């Protein structure tokens, strides 16, 4: 059995929600969510679809068996901090996202200039 509970727990925590809030958003009981997160059962297809719709996430990312996205020994993999930033970025409106994109581009440009001076 594929245990996707830890991935769902991680998604819930990235969204700063407790089990009651998260389970309410996806239409299941808190007890059922707890069982899923503990690995005692897997969510139904309907629950996975609800998670996808409510949290704008990819179902494939939830069901990766050895969730490579969260392994810290690979530099091409996202860290918890990076995932949190992505989650927060998705909460912004389009204008604010573009503003953040511009700030990042400026910061990268400044860092390149700084490294060229050294």
C-alpha atoms as a PDB file:
ATOM      1  CA  UNK A   1       0.000   0.000   0.000  1.00  0.00           C
ATOM      2  CA  UNK A   2       1.318   3.431  -0.940  1.00  0.00           C
ATOM      3  CA  UNK A   3       1.433   5.631   2.140  1.00  0.00           C
ATOM      4  CA  UNK A   4       0.614   9.181   1.080  1.00  0.00           C
ATOM      5  CA  UNK A   5      -0.381  10.334   4.554  1.00  0.00           C
ATOM      6  CA  UNK A   6       2.905  12.149   5.256  1.00  0.00           C
ATOM      7  CA  UNK A   7       2.558  14.067   1.987  1.00  0.00           C
ATOM      8  CA  UNK A   8      -0.969  15.157   2.883  1.00  0.00           C
ATOM      9  CA  UNK A   9       0.181  16.131   6.387  1.00  0.00           C
ATOM     10  CA  UNK A  10       3.001  18.183   4.838  1.00  0.00           C
ATOM     11  CA  UNK A  11       0.527  19.938   2.515  1.00  0.00           C
ATOM     12  CA  UNK A  12      -1.765  20.696   5.462  1.00  0.00           C
ATOM     13  CA  UNK A  13       1.106  22.160   7.486  1.00  0.00           C
ATOM     14  CA  UNK A  14       2.373  24.182   4.521  1.00  0.00           C
ATOM     15  CA  UNK A  15      -1.068  25.777   4.446  1.00  0.00           C
ATOM     16  CA  UNK A  16      -0.891  26.491   8.192  1.00  0.00           C
ATOM     17  CA  UNK A  17      -4.026  24.488   8.924  1.00  0.00           C
ATOM     18  CA  UNK A  18      -4.972  22.108  11.697  1.00  0.00           C
ATOM     19  CA  UNK A  19      -6.688  18.811  10.942  1.00  0.00           C
ATOM     20  CA  UNK A  20     -10.167  20.192  11.633  1.00  0.00           C
ATOM     21  CA  UNK A  21      -9.717  23.097   9.179  1.00  0.00           C
ATOM     22  CA  UNK A  22      -8.116  20.957   6.480  1.00  0.00           C
ATOM     23  CA  UNK A  23     -10.624  18.112   6.729  1.00  0.00           C
ATOM     24  CA  UNK A  24     -13.506  20.579   6.594  1.00  0.00           C
ATOM     25  CA  UNK A  25     -12.134  22.113   3.384  1.00  0.00           C
ATOM     26  CA  UNK A  26     -11.892  18.716   1.671  1.00  0.00           C
ATOM     27  CA  UNK A  27     -15.167  17.322   2.996  1.00  0.00           C
ATOM     28  CA  UNK A  28     -14.027  14.522   5.287  1.00  0.00           C
ATOM     29  CA  UNK A  29     -14.026  14.099   9.050  1.00  0.00           C
ATOM     30  CA  UNK A  30     -11.043  15.043  11.194  1.00  0.00           C
ATOM     31  CA  UNK A  31     -10.839  11.421  12.321  1.00  0.00           C
ATOM     32  CA  UNK A  32     -10.639  10.207   8.739  1.00  0.00           C
ATOM     33  CA  UNK A  33      -7.891  12.743   7.983  1.00  0.00           C
ATOM     34  CA  UNK A  34      -5.990  11.590  11.055  1.00  0.00           C
ATOM     35  CA  UNK A  35      -6.181   7.968   9.872  1.00  0.00           C
ATOM     36  CA  UNK A  36      -4.912   9.009   6.420  1.00  0.00           C
ATOM     37  CA  UNK A  37      -2.030  11.044   7.841  1.00  0.00           C
ATOM     38  CA  UNK A  38      -1.009   8.153  10.109  1.00  0.00           C
ATOM     39  CA  UNK A  39      -0.955   5.791   7.147  1.00  0.00           C
ATOM     40  CA  UNK A  40      -3.766   3.596   8.430  1.00  0.00           C
ATOM     41  CA  UNK A  41      -5.740   4.154   5.217  1.00  0.00           C
ATOM     42  CA  UNK A  42      -5.459   6.005   1.942  1.00  0.00           C
ATOM     43  CA  UNK A  43      -7.836   8.734   0.772  1.00  0.00           C
ATOM     44  CA  UNK A  44     -10.549   7.983  -1.730  1.00  0.00           C
ATOM     45  CA  UNK A  45     -10.331   9.310  -5.257  1.00  0.00           C
ATOM     46  CA  UNK A  46     -12.965  11.912  -4.360  1.00  0.00           C
ATOM     47  CA  UNK A  47     -10.831  13.090  -1.440  1.00  0.00           C
ATOM     48  CA  UNK A  48      -7.773  13.403  -3.685  1.00  0.00           C
ATOM     49  CA  UNK A  49      -9.792  15.444  -6.177  1.00  0.00           C
ATOM     50  CA  UNK A  50     -11.051  17.686  -3.353  1.00  0.00           C
ATOM     51  CA  UNK A  51      -7.461  18.236  -2.164  1.00  0.00           C
ATOM     52  CA  UNK A  52      -6.408  19.081  -5.720  1.00  0.00           C
ATOM     53  CA  UNK A  53      -9.239  21.598  -6.124  1.00  0.00           C
ATOM     54  CA  UNK A  54      -8.963  23.206  -2.689  1.00  0.00           C
ATOM     55  CA  UNK A  55      -5.166  23.501  -2.568  1.00  0.00           C
ATOM     56  CA  UNK A  56      -4.254  23.793  -6.252  1.00  0.00           C
ATOM     57  CA  UNK A  57      -1.805  20.917  -6.042  1.00  0.00           C
ATOM     58  CA  UNK A  58      -0.824  18.086  -8.324  1.00  0.00           C
ATOM     59  CA  UNK A  59      -2.193  14.697  -7.259  1.00  0.00           C
ATOM     60  CA  UNK A  60       0.971  13.055  -8.598  1.00  0.00           C
ATOM     61  CA  UNK A  61       2.989  14.969  -5.987  1.00  0.00           C
ATOM     62  CA  UNK A  62       0.805  13.508  -3.239  1.00  0.00           C
ATOM     63  CA  UNK A  63       1.170   9.910  -4.352  1.00  0.00           C
ATOM     64  CA  UNK A  64       4.898   9.772  -5.070  1.00  0.00           C
ATOM     65  CA  UNK A  65       6.019   6.643  -3.232  1.00  0.00           C
ATOM     66  CA  UNK A  66       9.392   7.926  -2.064  1.00  0.00           C
ATOM     67  CA  UNK A  67       8.583  11.593  -2.139  1.00  0.00           C
ATOM     68  CA  UNK A  68      11.771  12.842  -3.805  1.00  0.00           C
ATOM     69  CA  UNK A  69      10.476  16.419  -3.629  1.00  0.00           C
ATOM     70  CA  UNK A  70      11.165  16.480   0.085  1.00  0.00           C
ATOM     71  CA  UNK A  71      14.562  14.750   0.300  1.00  0.00           C
ATOM     72  CA  UNK A  72      17.113  17.279   1.475  1.00  0.00           C
ATOM     73  CA  UNK A  73      20.229  15.473   0.196  1.00  0.00           C
ATOM     74  CA  UNK A  74      19.511  16.456  -3.417  1.00  0.00           C
ATOM     75  CA  UNK A  75      20.141  20.094  -4.309  1.00  0.00           C
ATOM     76  CA  UNK A  76      17.666  19.993  -7.207  1.00  0.00           C
ATOM     77  CA  UNK A  77      14.880  19.085  -4.788  1.00  0.00           C
ATOM     78  CA  UNK A  78      12.682  21.633  -3.012  1.00  0.00           C
ATOM     79  CA  UNK A  79      13.292  22.202   0.692  1.00  0.00           C
ATOM     80  CA  UNK A  80      10.486  22.733   3.213  1.00  0.00           C
ATOM     81  CA  UNK A  81      11.256  26.474   3.130  1.00  0.00           C
ATOM     82  CA  UNK A  82      11.008  26.578  -0.651  1.00  0.00           C
ATOM     83  CA  UNK A  83       7.734  24.672  -0.584  1.00  0.00           C
ATOM     84  CA  UNK A  84       6.394  27.111   1.990  1.00  0.00           C
ATOM     85  CA  UNK A  85       7.387  30.032  -0.234  1.00  0.00           C
ATOM     86  CA  UNK A  86       5.609  28.448  -3.196  1.00  0.00           C
ATOM     87  CA  UNK A  87       2.507  27.897  -1.106  1.00  0.00           C
ATOM     88  CA  UNK A  88       2.532  31.531   0.008  1.00  0.00           C
ATOM     89  CA  UNK A  89       3.229  32.732  -3.545  1.00  0.00           C
ATOM     90  CA  UNK A  90       0.127  30.907  -4.777  1.00  0.00           C
ATOM     91  CA  UNK A  91      -1.977  32.846  -2.270  1.00  0.00           C
ATOM     92  CA  UNK A  92      -1.004  36.156  -3.881  1.00  0.00           C
ATOM     93  CA  UNK A  93      -2.948  37.811  -6.686  1.00  0.00           C
ATOM     94  CA  UNK A  94      -1.391  38.110 -10.145  1.00  0.00           C
ATOM     95  CA  UNK A  95      -0.140  41.667  -9.598  1.00  0.00           C
ATOM     96  CA  UNK A  96       1.640  40.741  -6.366  1.00  0.00           C
ATOM     97  CA  UNK A  97       3.140  37.622  -7.974  1.00  0.00           C
ATOM     98  CA  UNK A  98       4.610  39.770 -10.783  1.00  0.00           C
ATOM     99  CA  UNK A  99       6.007  42.182  -8.201  1.00  0.00           C
ATOM    100  CA  UNK A 100       7.700  39.309  -6.343  1.00  0.00           C
ATOM    101  CA  UNK A 101       9.072  37.992  -9.660  1.00  0.00           C
ATOM    102  CA  UNK A 102      10.622  41.412 -10.379  1.00  0.00           C
ATOM    103  CA  UNK A 103      12.182  41.618  -6.906  1.00  0.00           C
ATOM    104  CA  UNK A 104      13.744  38.180  -7.400  1.00  0.00           C
ATOM    105  CA  UNK A 105      15.115  39.161 -10.834  1.00  0.00           C
ATOM    106  CA  UNK A 106      16.647  42.342  -9.388  1.00  0.00           C
ATOM    107  CA  UNK A 107      18.194  40.442  -6.485  1.00  0.00           C
ATOM    108  CA  UNK A 108      19.704  37.822  -8.824  1.00  0.00           C
ATOM    109  CA  UNK A 109      21.105  40.560 -11.054  1.00  0.00           C
ATOM    110  CA  UNK A 110      22.654  42.341  -8.057  1.00  0.00           C
ATOM    111  CA  UNK A 111      24.204  39.104  -6.814  1.00  0.00           C
ATOM    112  CA  UNK A 112      25.717  38.432 -10.258  1.00  0.00           C
ATOM    113  CA  UNK A 113      27.187  41.934 -10.356  1.00  0.00           C
ATOM    114  CA  UNK A 114      28.587  41.483  -6.851  1.00  0.00           C
ATOM    115  CA  UNK A 115      30.214  38.154  -7.743  1.00  0.00           C
ATOM    116  CA  UNK A 116      31.759  39.674 -10.882  1.00  0.00           C
ATOM    117  CA  UNK A 117      33.453  42.335  -8.721  1.00  0.00           C
ATOM    118  CA  UNK A 118      35.136  39.730  -6.544  1.00  0.00           C
END
